[in-house]
Amino acid sequence: MKAVKYLFALWASLLMYVLLAVVFGPGGILAYRQLVNEQIKLEENINGLRLINRELEDTMNLLLYDRDYLALYAREQGYATEQERFIRIVGLALNHNTRISAGEVFFPARPQYTEGRILRIIAFSTGITILLCMALFDFLRYIRDRE
């Protein structure tokens, strides 16, 4: 019966390792939640890039096929037709219509987790602590029964 009681320490350390790995490990619940949050951010970034792409394609099609829009865009950029002349005033900032940016790069963060080595150390320490406590209680019972 005493041997079975000491096997409890082994079982407890194994249970501790499994629980820690499920919650804090590289494939654990916390790492999974962080990856899901990063996936949501990436999907939002991709949707934003799709919108920017659609707007840029619309602008490109207007520039290719609409002569009036092309003339308006050229005028915004400072170009003129042969019949027009510009007088440039130095010192005034040009009022350029800022176009849509091409988007930004989004780098997902790596999930934070506890390494397996540290989890094994904690589980081993738990098992040793339980084993020592059981041995101490058995030793104290032995001394009490001896007297």
N, C-alpha and C. Protein backbone atom coordinates (compact mmCIF):
# COMPACT_ATOMS: atom_id res chain seq x y z
N MET A 1 0.82 -1.20 0.00
CA MET A 1 0.00 0.00 0.00
C MET A 1 0.85 1.26 0.00
N LYS A 2 2.01 1.17 0.67
CA LYS A 2 2.88 2.34 0.71
C LYS A 2 3.44 2.66 -0.66
N ALA A 3 3.72 1.65 -1.47
CA ALA A 3 4.28 1.88 -2.81
C ALA A 3 3.27 2.59 -3.69
N VAL A 4 2.02 2.22 -3.59
CA VAL A 4 0.96 2.87 -4.38
C VAL A 4 0.85 4.33 -3.98
N LYS A 5 1.00 4.61 -2.71
CA LYS A 5 0.92 5.99 -2.24
C LYS A 5 2.06 6.81 -2.85
N TYR A 6 3.23 6.23 -2.99
CA TYR A 6 4.36 6.96 -3.57
C TYR A 6 4.23 7.10 -5.08
N LEU A 7 3.49 6.19 -5.72
CA LEU A 7 3.22 6.35 -7.15
C LEU A 7 2.30 7.55 -7.41
N PHE A 8 1.56 7.95 -6.38
CA PHE A 8 0.72 9.14 -6.51
C PHE A 8 1.56 10.37 -6.85
N ALA A 9 2.78 10.46 -6.33
CA ALA A 9 3.66 11.59 -6.62
C ALA A 9 4.01 11.61 -8.12
N LEU A 10 4.26 10.43 -8.69
CA LEU A 10 4.54 10.34 -10.13
C LEU A 10 3.31 10.76 -10.93
N TRP A 11 2.15 10.27 -10.51
CA TRP A 11 0.91 10.61 -11.21
C TRP A 11 0.63 12.12 -11.11
N ALA A 12 0.86 12.70 -9.95
CA ALA A 12 0.61 14.13 -9.74
C ALA A 12 1.55 14.97 -10.61
N SER A 13 2.81 14.56 -10.72
CA SER A 13 3.74 15.33 -11.56
C SER A 13 3.35 15.22 -13.03
N LEU A 14 2.89 14.04 -13.45
CA LEU A 14 2.44 13.88 -14.83
C LEU A 14 1.20 14.73 -15.10
N LEU A 15 0.26 14.71 -14.16
CA LEU A 15 -0.94 15.53 -14.30
C LEU A 15 -0.59 17.02 -14.35
N MET A 16 0.34 17.45 -13.51
CA MET A 16 0.77 18.86 -13.49
C MET A 16 1.36 19.25 -14.85
N TYR A 17 2.20 18.38 -15.41
CA TYR A 17 2.81 18.68 -16.71
C TYR A 17 1.75 18.80 -17.79
N VAL A 18 0.81 17.88 -17.81
CA VAL A 18 -0.24 17.91 -18.84
C VAL A 18 -1.09 19.18 -18.71
N LEU A 19 -1.48 19.52 -17.50
CA LEU A 19 -2.29 20.73 -17.31
C LEU A 19 -1.54 21.99 -17.71
N LEU A 20 -0.27 22.08 -17.32
CA LEU A 20 0.53 23.25 -17.69
C LEU A 20 0.73 23.33 -19.20
N ALA A 21 0.97 22.18 -19.83
CA ALA A 21 1.16 22.17 -21.28
C ALA A 21 -0.11 22.56 -22.01
N VAL A 22 -1.27 22.12 -21.51
CA VAL A 22 -2.54 22.45 -22.15
C VAL A 22 -2.84 23.94 -22.03
N VAL A 23 -2.47 24.55 -20.92
CA VAL A 23 -2.79 25.96 -20.73
C VAL A 23 -1.67 26.88 -21.23
N PHE A 24 -0.41 26.60 -20.83
CA PHE A 24 0.68 27.54 -21.08
C PHE A 24 1.67 27.09 -22.14
N GLY A 25 1.55 25.90 -22.67
CA GLY A 25 2.53 25.35 -23.60
C GLY A 25 2.46 25.96 -24.99
N PRO A 26 3.36 25.52 -25.89
CA PRO A 26 3.38 26.07 -27.25
C PRO A 26 2.10 25.78 -28.03
N GLY A 27 1.44 24.68 -27.73
CA GLY A 27 0.17 24.38 -28.37
C GLY A 27 -1.00 24.57 -27.43
N GLY A 28 -0.81 25.37 -26.40
CA GLY A 28 -1.81 25.53 -25.36
C GLY A 28 -2.88 26.55 -25.69
N ILE A 29 -3.77 26.69 -24.74
CA ILE A 29 -4.94 27.56 -24.91
C ILE A 29 -4.53 29.03 -25.07
N LEU A 30 -3.59 29.49 -24.26
CA LEU A 30 -3.19 30.91 -24.34
C LEU A 30 -2.50 31.22 -25.67
N ALA A 31 -1.63 30.34 -26.14
CA ALA A 31 -0.97 30.56 -27.43
C ALA A 31 -2.00 30.53 -28.56
N TYR A 32 -2.99 29.65 -28.45
CA TYR A 32 -4.04 29.56 -29.46
C TYR A 32 -4.85 30.86 -29.51
N ARG A 33 -5.19 31.40 -28.35
CA ARG A 33 -5.94 32.66 -28.32
C ARG A 33 -5.15 33.81 -28.95
N GLN A 34 -3.86 33.85 -28.68
CA GLN A 34 -3.02 34.89 -29.28
C GLN A 34 -2.98 34.73 -30.80
N LEU A 35 -2.88 33.50 -31.28
CA LEU A 35 -2.87 33.27 -32.73
C LEU A 35 -4.21 33.64 -33.37
N VAL A 36 -5.30 33.39 -32.69
CA VAL A 36 -6.62 33.77 -33.22
C VAL A 36 -6.73 35.29 -33.31
N ASN A 37 -6.23 36.00 -32.30
CA ASN A 37 -6.25 37.47 -32.34
C ASN A 37 -5.40 38.00 -33.48
N GLU A 38 -4.25 37.39 -33.72
CA GLU A 38 -3.40 37.81 -34.83
C GLU A 38 -4.07 37.50 -36.17
N GLN A 39 -4.79 36.39 -36.25
CA GLN A 39 -5.50 36.05 -37.47
C GLN A 39 -6.58 37.08 -37.77
N ILE A 40 -7.28 37.52 -36.74
CA ILE A 40 -8.32 38.55 -36.93
C ILE A 40 -7.69 39.84 -37.45
N LYS A 41 -6.54 40.23 -36.87
CA LYS A 41 -5.87 41.45 -37.34
C LYS A 41 -5.41 41.30 -38.79
N LEU A 42 -4.90 40.13 -39.15
CA LEU A 42 -4.47 39.90 -40.53
C LEU A 42 -5.65 39.96 -41.50
N GLU A 43 -6.79 39.39 -41.11
CA GLU A 43 -7.97 39.44 -41.96
C GLU A 43 -8.46 40.87 -42.14
N GLU A 44 -8.42 41.68 -41.08
CA GLU A 44 -8.80 43.09 -41.21
C GLU A 44 -7.85 43.83 -42.14
N ASN A 45 -6.55 43.53 -42.03
CA ASN A 45 -5.56 44.16 -42.91
C ASN A 45 -5.79 43.75 -44.37
N ILE A 46 -6.09 42.47 -44.59
CA ILE A 46 -6.34 42.00 -45.95
C ILE A 46 -7.59 42.66 -46.53
N ASN A 47 -8.64 42.80 -45.72
CA ASN A 47 -9.84 43.49 -46.20
C ASN A 47 -9.55 44.94 -46.54
N GLY A 48 -8.74 45.60 -45.73
CA GLY A 48 -8.34 46.98 -46.03
C GLY A 48 -7.53 47.06 -47.32
N LEU A 49 -6.64 46.09 -47.53
CA LEU A 49 -5.85 46.07 -48.76
C LEU A 49 -6.73 45.80 -49.99
N ARG A 50 -7.75 44.96 -49.83
CA ARG A 50 -8.69 44.72 -50.93
C ARG A 50 -9.43 45.99 -51.31
N LEU A 51 -9.85 46.76 -50.31
CA LEU A 51 -10.54 48.01 -50.57
C LEU A 51 -9.62 49.00 -51.29
N ILE A 52 -8.39 49.11 -50.82
CA ILE A 52 -7.42 50.00 -51.46
C ILE A 52 -7.16 49.55 -52.89
N ASN A 53 -7.03 48.25 -53.09
CA ASN A 53 -6.79 47.71 -54.44
C ASN A 53 -7.96 48.05 -55.37
N ARG A 54 -9.19 47.89 -54.87
CA ARG A 54 -10.36 48.20 -55.69
C ARG A 54 -10.37 49.69 -56.07
N GLU A 55 -10.05 50.56 -55.11
CA GLU A 55 -10.04 52.00 -55.41
C GLU A 55 -8.93 52.35 -56.40
N LEU A 56 -7.77 51.74 -56.25
CA LEU A 56 -6.68 52.01 -57.19
C LEU A 56 -7.00 51.48 -58.59
N GLU A 57 -7.66 50.32 -58.66
CA GLU A 57 -8.06 49.80 -59.98
C GLU A 57 -9.09 50.71 -60.63
N ASP A 58 -10.03 51.23 -59.83
CA ASP A 58 -11.01 52.17 -60.38
C ASP A 58 -10.33 53.42 -60.91
N THR A 59 -9.37 53.95 -60.14
CA THR A 59 -8.63 55.14 -60.59
C THR A 59 -7.85 54.84 -61.86
N MET A 60 -7.22 53.67 -61.92
CA MET A 60 -6.46 53.30 -63.12
C MET A 60 -7.38 53.19 -64.33
N ASN A 61 -8.55 52.57 -64.17
CA ASN A 61 -9.48 52.45 -65.29
C ASN A 61 -9.99 53.81 -65.74
N LEU A 62 -10.25 54.71 -64.77
CA LEU A 62 -10.67 56.05 -65.15
C LEU A 62 -9.57 56.78 -65.92
N LEU A 63 -8.33 56.62 -65.51
CA LEU A 63 -7.22 57.27 -66.20
C LEU A 63 -7.01 56.68 -67.59
N LEU A 64 -7.28 55.40 -67.76
CA LEU A 64 -7.09 54.77 -69.07
C LEU A 64 -8.20 55.10 -70.06
N TYR A 65 -9.44 55.21 -69.59
CA TYR A 65 -10.57 55.27 -70.51
C TYR A 65 -11.37 56.57 -70.45
N ASP A 66 -11.20 57.41 -69.47
CA ASP A 66 -11.98 58.64 -69.35
C ASP A 66 -11.06 59.83 -69.58
N ARG A 67 -11.24 60.49 -70.73
CA ARG A 67 -10.35 61.60 -71.09
C ARG A 67 -10.55 62.81 -70.16
N ASP A 68 -11.77 63.04 -69.73
CA ASP A 68 -12.03 64.18 -68.83
C ASP A 68 -11.34 63.96 -67.48
N TYR A 69 -11.43 62.75 -66.96
CA TYR A 69 -10.77 62.46 -65.68
C TYR A 69 -9.26 62.55 -65.83
N LEU A 70 -8.74 62.11 -66.97
CA LEU A 70 -7.30 62.20 -67.23
C LEU A 70 -6.85 63.66 -67.27
N ALA A 71 -7.65 64.52 -67.90
CA ALA A 71 -7.30 65.94 -67.95
C ALA A 71 -7.34 66.56 -66.56
N LEU A 72 -8.34 66.19 -65.78
CA LEU A 72 -8.46 66.72 -64.41
C LEU A 72 -7.28 66.24 -63.56
N TYR A 73 -6.91 64.99 -63.69
CA TYR A 73 -5.78 64.44 -62.93
C TYR A 73 -4.47 65.11 -63.35
N ALA A 74 -4.29 65.33 -64.64
CA ALA A 74 -3.08 66.00 -65.12
C ALA A 74 -3.01 67.43 -64.59
N ARG A 75 -4.14 68.10 -64.54
CA ARG A 75 -4.16 69.46 -64.03
C ARG A 75 -3.79 69.48 -62.54
N GLU A 76 -4.27 68.48 -61.77
CA GLU A 76 -3.90 68.38 -60.36
C GLU A 76 -2.40 68.16 -60.20
N GLN A 77 -1.81 67.49 -61.14
CA GLN A 77 -0.37 67.21 -61.07
C GLN A 77 0.48 68.36 -61.60
N GLY A 78 -0.16 69.38 -62.12
CA GLY A 78 0.59 70.55 -62.55
C GLY A 78 0.83 70.61 -64.06
N TYR A 79 0.17 69.78 -64.83
CA TYR A 79 0.30 69.79 -66.29
C TYR A 79 -0.80 70.64 -66.91
N ALA A 80 -0.52 71.14 -68.11
CA ALA A 80 -1.51 71.98 -68.80
C ALA A 80 -1.57 71.58 -70.27
N THR A 81 -2.64 72.02 -70.94
CA THR A 81 -2.74 71.76 -72.37
C THR A 81 -1.90 72.78 -73.11
N GLU A 82 -1.82 72.64 -74.42
CA GLU A 82 -0.97 73.54 -75.21
C GLU A 82 -1.49 74.98 -75.19
N GLN A 83 -2.79 75.16 -75.02
CA GLN A 83 -3.35 76.51 -75.03
C GLN A 83 -3.23 77.20 -73.68
N GLU A 84 -2.90 76.49 -72.64
CA GLU A 84 -2.85 77.07 -71.30
C GLU A 84 -1.43 77.45 -70.93
N ARG A 85 -1.34 78.46 -70.07
CA ARG A 85 -0.04 78.85 -69.51
C ARG A 85 -0.21 79.01 -68.01
N PHE A 86 0.85 78.64 -67.29
CA PHE A 86 0.82 78.74 -65.84
C PHE A 86 1.77 79.83 -65.39
N ILE A 87 1.39 80.49 -64.34
CA ILE A 87 2.28 81.40 -63.65
C ILE A 87 2.54 80.75 -62.29
N ARG A 88 3.78 80.40 -62.03
CA ARG A 88 4.12 79.72 -60.79
C ARG A 88 4.57 80.75 -59.77
N ILE A 89 3.97 80.75 -58.61
CA ILE A 89 4.31 81.66 -57.54
C ILE A 89 5.17 80.87 -56.55
N VAL A 90 6.38 81.33 -56.35
CA VAL A 90 7.32 80.63 -55.47
C VAL A 90 6.96 80.94 -54.02
N GLY A 91 7.07 79.93 -53.18
CA GLY A 91 6.82 80.12 -51.76
C GLY A 91 5.47 79.60 -51.31
N LEU A 92 4.57 79.36 -52.24
CA LEU A 92 3.28 78.79 -51.87
C LEU A 92 3.34 77.28 -52.06
N ALA A 93 2.83 76.60 -51.10
CA ALA A 93 2.81 75.14 -51.21
C ALA A 93 1.79 74.73 -52.25
N LEU A 94 2.15 73.74 -53.04
CA LEU A 94 1.22 73.25 -54.05
C LEU A 94 0.12 72.45 -53.37
N ASN A 95 -1.05 72.59 -53.88
CA ASN A 95 -2.18 71.87 -53.31
C ASN A 95 -2.38 70.58 -54.10
N HIS A 96 -1.51 69.61 -53.84
CA HIS A 96 -1.66 68.33 -54.53
C HIS A 96 -2.70 67.49 -53.82
N ASN A 97 -3.53 66.88 -54.61
CA ASN A 97 -4.52 65.97 -54.05
C ASN A 97 -3.81 64.66 -53.73
N THR A 98 -3.73 64.35 -52.46
CA THR A 98 -3.03 63.14 -52.06
C THR A 98 -3.85 61.92 -52.43
N ARG A 99 -3.23 60.99 -53.09
CA ARG A 99 -3.90 59.77 -53.51
C ARG A 99 -3.86 58.72 -52.42
N ILE A 100 -4.56 57.67 -52.63
CA ILE A 100 -4.64 56.58 -51.68
C ILE A 100 -3.28 55.91 -51.56
N SER A 101 -2.91 55.56 -50.33
CA SER A 101 -1.67 54.83 -50.14
C SER A 101 -1.86 53.39 -50.58
N ALA A 102 -0.77 52.71 -50.80
CA ALA A 102 -0.83 51.33 -51.26
C ALA A 102 -1.00 50.35 -50.11
N GLY A 103 -1.24 50.82 -48.93
CA GLY A 103 -1.43 49.94 -47.78
C GLY A 103 -0.17 49.89 -46.93
N GLU A 104 -0.24 49.10 -45.89
CA GLU A 104 0.91 48.97 -45.00
C GLU A 104 1.15 47.50 -44.71
N VAL A 105 2.37 47.19 -44.37
CA VAL A 105 2.75 45.83 -44.07
C VAL A 105 2.39 45.54 -42.61
N PHE A 106 1.79 44.39 -42.40
CA PHE A 106 1.41 43.98 -41.04
C PHE A 106 2.16 42.71 -40.70
N PHE A 107 2.98 42.77 -39.68
CA PHE A 107 3.72 41.60 -39.24
C PHE A 107 3.07 41.05 -37.98
N PRO A 108 2.58 39.82 -38.03
CA PRO A 108 1.94 39.26 -36.83
C PRO A 108 2.96 39.00 -35.73
N ALA A 109 2.52 39.17 -34.51
CA ALA A 109 3.39 38.93 -33.35
C ALA A 109 3.45 37.43 -33.07
N ARG A 110 4.59 36.98 -32.60
CA ARG A 110 4.72 35.57 -32.23
C ARG A 110 3.99 35.33 -30.92
N PRO A 111 3.34 34.18 -30.79
CA PRO A 111 2.62 33.92 -29.54
C PRO A 111 3.60 33.71 -28.39
N GLN A 112 3.19 34.15 -27.22
CA GLN A 112 4.00 33.99 -26.02
C GLN A 112 3.57 32.70 -25.32
N TYR A 113 4.52 31.86 -25.03
CA TYR A 113 4.22 30.61 -24.34
C TYR A 113 5.40 30.22 -23.47
N THR A 114 5.17 29.24 -22.61
CA THR A 114 6.22 28.74 -21.74
C THR A 114 6.84 27.51 -22.40
N GLU A 115 8.15 27.46 -22.39
CA GLU A 115 8.84 26.35 -23.04
C GLU A 115 8.56 25.04 -22.31
N GLY A 116 8.63 23.95 -23.05
CA GLY A 116 8.38 22.64 -22.48
C GLY A 116 9.36 22.26 -21.39
N ARG A 117 10.60 22.72 -21.52
CA ARG A 117 11.62 22.43 -20.51
C ARG A 117 11.22 23.01 -19.16
N ILE A 118 10.72 24.22 -19.16
CA ILE A 118 10.31 24.86 -17.91
C ILE A 118 9.09 24.15 -17.33
N LEU A 119 8.17 23.73 -18.20
CA LEU A 119 7.00 23.00 -17.72
C LEU A 119 7.41 21.68 -17.08
N ARG A 120 8.39 20.98 -17.68
CA ARG A 120 8.87 19.73 -17.11
C ARG A 120 9.55 19.96 -15.76
N ILE A 121 10.29 21.05 -15.64
CA ILE A 121 10.94 21.36 -14.36
C ILE A 121 9.89 21.61 -13.27
N ILE A 122 8.85 22.37 -13.60
CA ILE A 122 7.79 22.65 -12.63
C ILE A 122 7.08 21.35 -12.23
N ALA A 123 6.77 20.51 -13.21
CA ALA A 123 6.08 19.25 -12.92
C ALA A 123 6.97 18.33 -12.08
N PHE A 124 8.26 18.26 -12.41
CA PHE A 124 9.18 17.43 -11.65
C PHE A 124 9.30 17.94 -10.21
N SER A 125 9.37 19.26 -10.07
CA SER A 125 9.45 19.85 -8.72
C SER A 125 8.19 19.55 -7.92
N THR A 126 7.05 19.60 -8.57
CA THR A 126 5.80 19.26 -7.89
C THR A 126 5.81 17.81 -7.41
N GLY A 127 6.23 16.91 -8.29
CA GLY A 127 6.30 15.50 -7.93
C GLY A 127 7.26 15.24 -6.77
N ILE A 128 8.44 15.88 -6.83
CA ILE A 128 9.42 15.71 -5.75
C ILE A 128 8.88 16.27 -4.45
N THR A 129 8.20 17.42 -4.49
CA THR A 129 7.63 18.02 -3.29
C THR A 129 6.58 17.09 -2.66
N ILE A 130 5.71 16.54 -3.48
CA ILE A 130 4.70 15.62 -2.95
C ILE A 130 5.36 14.38 -2.38
N LEU A 131 6.37 13.86 -3.09
CA LEU A 131 7.08 12.67 -2.60
C LEU A 131 7.75 12.95 -1.26
N LEU A 132 8.40 14.09 -1.13
CA LEU A 132 9.06 14.44 0.12
C LEU A 132 8.05 14.65 1.25
N CYS A 133 6.93 15.26 0.95
CA CYS A 133 5.89 15.45 1.98
C CYS A 133 5.36 14.10 2.46
N MET A 134 5.11 13.19 1.53
CA MET A 134 4.63 11.87 1.93
C MET A 134 5.67 11.12 2.76
N ALA A 135 6.93 11.22 2.34
CA ALA A 135 8.00 10.55 3.08
C ALA A 135 8.14 11.17 4.48
N LEU A 136 8.01 12.48 4.57
CA LEU A 136 8.09 13.15 5.87
C LEU A 136 6.94 12.72 6.78
N PHE A 137 5.73 12.68 6.24
CA PHE A 137 4.59 12.23 7.05
C PHE A 137 4.76 10.77 7.49
N ASP A 138 5.27 9.92 6.60
CA ASP A 138 5.53 8.52 6.99
C ASP A 138 6.60 8.44 8.06
N PHE A 139 7.62 9.27 7.92
CA PHE A 139 8.69 9.28 8.91
C PHE A 139 8.17 9.77 10.26
N LEU A 140 7.34 10.81 10.27
CA LEU A 140 6.77 11.31 11.52
C LEU A 140 5.83 10.28 12.15
N ARG A 141 5.07 9.57 11.33
CA ARG A 141 4.20 8.51 11.85
C ARG A 141 5.03 7.37 12.43
N TYR A 142 6.14 7.05 11.77
CA TYR A 142 7.02 6.00 12.27
C TYR A 142 7.61 6.38 13.63
N ILE A 143 8.03 7.63 13.78
CA ILE A 143 8.59 8.10 15.06
C ILE A 143 7.50 8.11 16.11
N ARG A 144 6.30 8.53 15.80
CA ARG A 144 5.20 8.55 16.76
C ARG A 144 4.80 7.14 17.20
N ASP A 145 4.76 6.20 16.23
CA ASP A 145 4.43 4.82 16.58
C ASP A 145 5.53 4.14 17.38
N ARG A 146 6.74 4.55 17.21
CA ARG A 146 7.89 3.97 17.89
C ARG A 146 7.91 4.34 19.36
N GLU A 147 7.39 5.49 19.68
CA GLU A 147 7.41 5.95 21.07
C GLU A 147 6.36 5.38 21.92
